[in-house]
Amino acid sequence: MQSASKNMFTYVDLESLRIVASYVAIAVTNILRAHELIVANEKLREMSLRDSLTDVYNRRALERYMQNEFASRAERNLPACAMMLDVDFFKQFNDNYGHVQGDICLQEITKHYIKSCGVIDIMCFDTGRRVFILVERCNKEQAMDVLKALNQRIKLLDIIHEHSEISSRVTVSIGAVIIDAMGEDYAKVFNKADQALYKVKENGRNSYHLI
């Protein structure tokens, strides 16, 4: 906008500029607020998919992953391994050392023990504080290597558990299943890993079993 005389604006000119500027300011503010709302909603969505104690994914996240991203890879027909890990005699640990120490134990296991293997594609907590682990592009031989590493590395944490019936330190039991068809129903995969875990418990715990 330009005035008829140099460096001079009429009242109408200035009022028009003020109105335009106010509309621009409102538009920019609305855009910023919309962006902030999107970011906040995304954070809430991510929080709803994670365990508040350990920050690993929860059962809801697992189901979403298995239904969508995991199932969509069926056409690639790559093997994978699903594992279910349980801390041996964890109830006794909680009952005798307290829930605070139990929480610390779970944090150590998820943050420093399982993640140290470096091959985990997704890890989440199931009900009962069991840990579900998925390793994609993993055949039977590779799965046995991962299971062996997980079984051995728990010893490095050296967490005292004098109330365990099998050891003076925290141990874990792991059930695993090879998934040949990537499109296999996630519920069946979950149940098979769970069955393998109970097989380990029947045989004395502190070990792993692959089916």
Protein backbone atom coordinates (compact mmCIF):
# COMPACT_ATOMS: atom_id res chain seq x y z
CA MET A 1 0.00 0.00 0.00
CA GLN A 2 1.38 3.40 -1.01
CA SER A 3 0.14 6.91 -0.16
CA ALA A 4 -0.46 9.68 -2.70
CA SER A 5 2.16 11.85 -0.99
CA LYS A 6 5.65 10.62 -0.22
CA ASN A 7 6.06 9.18 3.32
CA MET A 8 2.46 9.98 4.18
CA PHE A 9 -0.41 7.59 4.92
CA THR A 10 -3.96 8.50 5.53
CA TYR A 11 -5.88 7.33 8.56
CA VAL A 12 -7.72 4.87 6.36
CA ASP A 13 -4.44 3.49 5.03
CA LEU A 14 -3.07 2.95 8.54
CA GLU A 15 -6.30 1.42 9.77
CA SER A 16 -6.31 -0.99 6.84
CA LEU A 17 -2.71 -1.99 7.59
CA ARG A 18 -3.60 -2.52 11.23
CA ILE A 19 -6.50 -4.76 10.36
CA VAL A 20 -4.42 -6.80 7.89
CA ALA A 21 -1.62 -7.14 10.46
CA SER A 22 -4.07 -8.31 13.13
CA TYR A 23 -5.46 -10.98 10.79
CA VAL A 24 -1.95 -12.14 9.94
CA ALA A 25 -1.06 -12.32 13.64
CA ILE A 26 -4.21 -14.35 14.36
CA ALA A 27 -3.45 -16.72 11.50
CA VAL A 28 0.14 -17.27 12.67
CA THR A 29 -1.03 -17.83 16.25
CA ASN A 30 -3.58 -20.40 15.11
CA ILE A 31 -0.97 -22.23 13.05
CA LEU A 32 1.41 -22.36 16.02
CA ARG A 33 -1.34 -23.57 18.34
CA ALA A 34 -2.38 -26.25 15.86
CA HIS A 35 1.22 -27.44 15.63
CA GLU A 36 1.57 -27.50 19.42
CA LEU A 37 -1.65 -29.50 19.66
CA ILE A 38 -0.40 -32.02 17.10
CA VAL A 39 2.89 -32.43 19.00
CA ALA A 40 1.07 -32.79 22.34
CA ASN A 41 -1.31 -35.39 20.93
CA GLU A 42 1.58 -37.33 19.46
CA LYS A 43 3.35 -37.35 22.82
CA LEU A 44 0.17 -38.57 24.53
CA ARG A 45 -0.24 -41.29 21.90
CA GLU A 46 3.35 -42.42 22.41
CA MET A 47 2.93 -42.40 26.19
CA SER A 48 -0.18 -44.56 25.89
CA LEU A 49 1.89 -47.19 24.08
CA ARG A 50 4.70 -47.37 26.64
CA ASP A 51 5.14 -48.87 30.08
CA SER A 52 5.45 -46.04 32.59
CA LEU A 53 8.12 -47.83 34.64
CA THR A 54 10.58 -49.03 32.01
CA ASP A 55 9.57 -46.97 28.95
CA VAL A 56 9.37 -50.10 26.80
CA TYR A 57 6.24 -50.75 24.74
CA ASN A 58 3.11 -52.22 26.33
CA ARG A 59 0.67 -54.88 25.15
CA ARG A 60 -1.37 -52.33 23.18
CA ALA A 61 1.71 -51.34 21.19
CA LEU A 62 2.54 -54.97 20.54
CA GLU A 63 -0.91 -55.72 19.18
CA ARG A 64 -0.77 -52.68 16.91
CA TYR A 65 2.67 -53.64 15.63
CA MET A 66 1.74 -57.26 15.02
CA GLN A 67 -1.52 -56.36 13.29
CA ASN A 68 -0.11 -53.66 11.06
CA GLU A 69 3.61 -53.36 10.39
CA PHE A 70 4.49 -56.97 11.18
CA ALA A 71 1.64 -58.48 9.20
CA SER A 72 2.28 -56.22 6.20
CA ARG A 73 5.64 -57.92 5.68
CA ALA A 74 4.08 -61.30 4.96
CA GLU A 75 4.86 -61.04 1.26
CA ARG A 76 8.57 -60.84 2.04
CA ASN A 77 8.33 -64.22 3.78
CA LEU A 78 11.24 -63.62 6.13
CA PRO A 79 11.50 -65.71 9.32
CA ALA A 80 11.33 -64.11 12.75
CA CYS A 81 11.56 -65.21 16.35
CA ALA A 82 9.10 -64.32 19.09
CA MET A 83 10.30 -64.69 22.67
CA MET A 84 8.56 -64.50 26.04
CA LEU A 85 10.84 -63.76 29.00
CA ASP A 86 9.91 -64.06 32.67
CA VAL A 87 11.97 -63.31 35.78
CA ASP A 88 12.14 -66.49 37.84
CA PHE A 89 10.34 -66.26 41.20
CA PHE A 90 9.72 -62.56 40.75
CA LYS A 91 6.81 -62.60 43.22
CA GLN A 92 9.16 -63.80 45.93
CA PHE A 93 11.58 -61.03 44.95
CA ASN A 94 8.86 -58.40 45.34
CA ASP A 95 7.51 -59.88 48.56
CA ASN A 96 10.90 -59.93 50.28
CA TYR A 97 12.77 -56.94 48.84
CA GLY A 98 9.79 -54.65 48.23
CA HIS A 99 8.17 -53.29 45.10
CA VAL A 100 10.70 -50.47 44.76
CA GLN A 101 13.53 -52.98 44.39
CA GLY A 102 11.30 -55.04 42.12
CA ASP A 103 10.84 -52.02 39.86
CA ILE A 104 14.59 -51.40 39.81
CA CYS A 105 15.15 -55.04 38.89
CA LEU A 106 12.78 -54.76 35.91
CA GLN A 107 14.42 -51.52 34.81
CA GLU A 108 17.85 -53.10 34.91
CA ILE A 109 16.63 -56.07 32.89
CA THR A 110 14.97 -54.03 30.15
CA LYS A 111 17.45 -51.15 29.89
CA HIS A 112 20.80 -52.85 30.36
CA TYR A 113 20.25 -56.54 29.84
CA ILE A 114 17.89 -57.16 26.94
CA LYS A 115 18.81 -54.06 24.93
CA SER A 116 22.49 -54.97 25.17
CA CYS A 117 21.90 -57.74 22.66
CA GLY A 118 21.30 -55.12 20.00
CA VAL A 119 19.12 -57.29 17.75
CA ILE A 120 15.71 -56.63 19.28
CA ASP A 121 13.09 -55.20 16.91
CA ILE A 122 10.37 -54.70 19.50
CA MET A 123 10.17 -55.33 23.23
CA CYS A 124 7.11 -54.89 25.39
CA PHE A 125 5.61 -55.78 28.75
CA ASP A 126 2.74 -58.22 28.86
CA THR A 127 0.42 -58.58 31.84
CA GLY A 128 2.21 -60.16 34.77
CA ARG A 129 5.43 -58.25 33.95
CA ARG A 130 6.57 -60.77 31.38
CA VAL A 131 8.63 -59.34 28.53
CA PHE A 132 7.75 -60.09 24.92
CA ILE A 133 10.65 -59.81 22.45
CA LEU A 134 10.51 -59.91 18.67
CA VAL A 135 13.56 -60.43 16.48
CA GLU A 136 12.89 -60.15 12.76
CA ARG A 137 14.94 -61.81 10.01
CA CYS A 138 15.92 -64.49 12.47
CA ASN A 139 16.11 -68.20 11.65
CA LYS A 140 16.35 -71.05 14.14
CA GLU A 141 20.15 -71.01 14.38
CA GLN A 142 20.25 -67.25 14.93
CA ALA A 143 17.45 -67.50 17.48
CA MET A 144 19.43 -70.01 19.51
CA ASP A 145 22.37 -67.59 19.57
CA VAL A 146 20.14 -64.78 20.88
CA LEU A 147 18.57 -67.05 23.49
CA LYS A 148 21.98 -68.22 24.66
CA ALA A 149 23.20 -64.63 24.94
CA LEU A 150 20.14 -63.57 26.92
CA ASN A 151 20.50 -66.54 29.25
CA GLN A 152 24.18 -65.81 29.89
CA ARG A 153 24.03 -62.03 30.20
CA ILE A 154 21.57 -62.07 33.06
CA LYS A 155 24.47 -63.24 35.20
CA LEU A 156 26.34 -60.00 34.47
CA LEU A 157 23.66 -57.98 36.28
CA ASP A 158 24.43 -59.95 39.44
CA ILE A 159 21.15 -59.02 41.16
CA ILE A 160 20.85 -60.77 44.51
CA HIS A 161 17.78 -62.98 44.93
CA GLU A 162 18.21 -65.04 48.09
CA HIS A 163 14.56 -66.08 47.99
CA SER A 164 14.76 -67.79 44.61
CA GLU A 165 14.37 -71.55 44.72
CA ILE A 166 17.06 -72.16 42.10
CA SER A 167 19.78 -69.52 42.53
CA SER A 168 21.12 -66.80 44.80
CA ARG A 169 20.91 -64.36 41.89
CA VAL A 170 18.09 -63.26 39.59
CA THR A 171 17.58 -65.64 36.68
CA VAL A 172 15.16 -65.69 33.75
CA SER A 173 13.21 -68.23 31.75
CA ILE A 174 12.63 -67.68 28.04
CA GLY A 175 10.20 -69.37 25.68
CA ALA A 176 10.61 -68.80 21.95
CA VAL A 177 9.00 -69.72 18.65
CA ILE A 178 10.16 -69.35 15.06
CA ILE A 179 7.64 -67.61 12.83
CA ASP A 180 8.01 -68.89 9.29
CA ALA A 181 5.10 -66.92 7.84
CA MET A 182 5.33 -63.22 8.65
CA GLY A 183 1.58 -62.86 8.23
CA GLU A 184 0.77 -65.34 10.98
CA ASP A 185 -1.87 -64.20 13.44
CA TYR A 186 -0.19 -62.33 16.31
CA ALA A 187 -2.39 -64.01 18.94
CA LYS A 188 -1.19 -67.44 17.84
CA VAL A 189 2.42 -66.25 17.91
CA PHE A 190 1.93 -64.88 21.41
CA ASN A 191 0.35 -68.10 22.66
CA LYS A 192 3.09 -70.29 21.16
CA ALA A 193 5.81 -68.23 22.86
CA ASP A 194 3.84 -68.45 26.09
CA GLN A 195 3.62 -72.25 25.77
CA ALA A 196 7.36 -72.47 25.21
CA LEU A 197 7.92 -70.37 28.34
CA TYR A 198 5.83 -72.71 30.48
CA LYS A 199 7.81 -75.62 29.08
CA VAL A 200 10.95 -74.04 30.53
CA LYS A 201 9.24 -73.55 33.89
CA GLU A 202 8.17 -77.18 33.95
CA ASN A 203 11.79 -78.19 33.43
CA GLY A 204 13.19 -76.11 36.30
CA ARG A 205 13.47 -72.53 34.98
CA ASN A 206 16.71 -70.55 34.38
CA SER A 207 16.87 -71.73 30.78
CA TYR A 208 15.22 -71.33 27.38
CA HIS A 209 13.16 -73.42 24.99
CA LEU A 210 12.61 -72.91 21.27
CA ILE A 211 9.72 -74.52 19.39
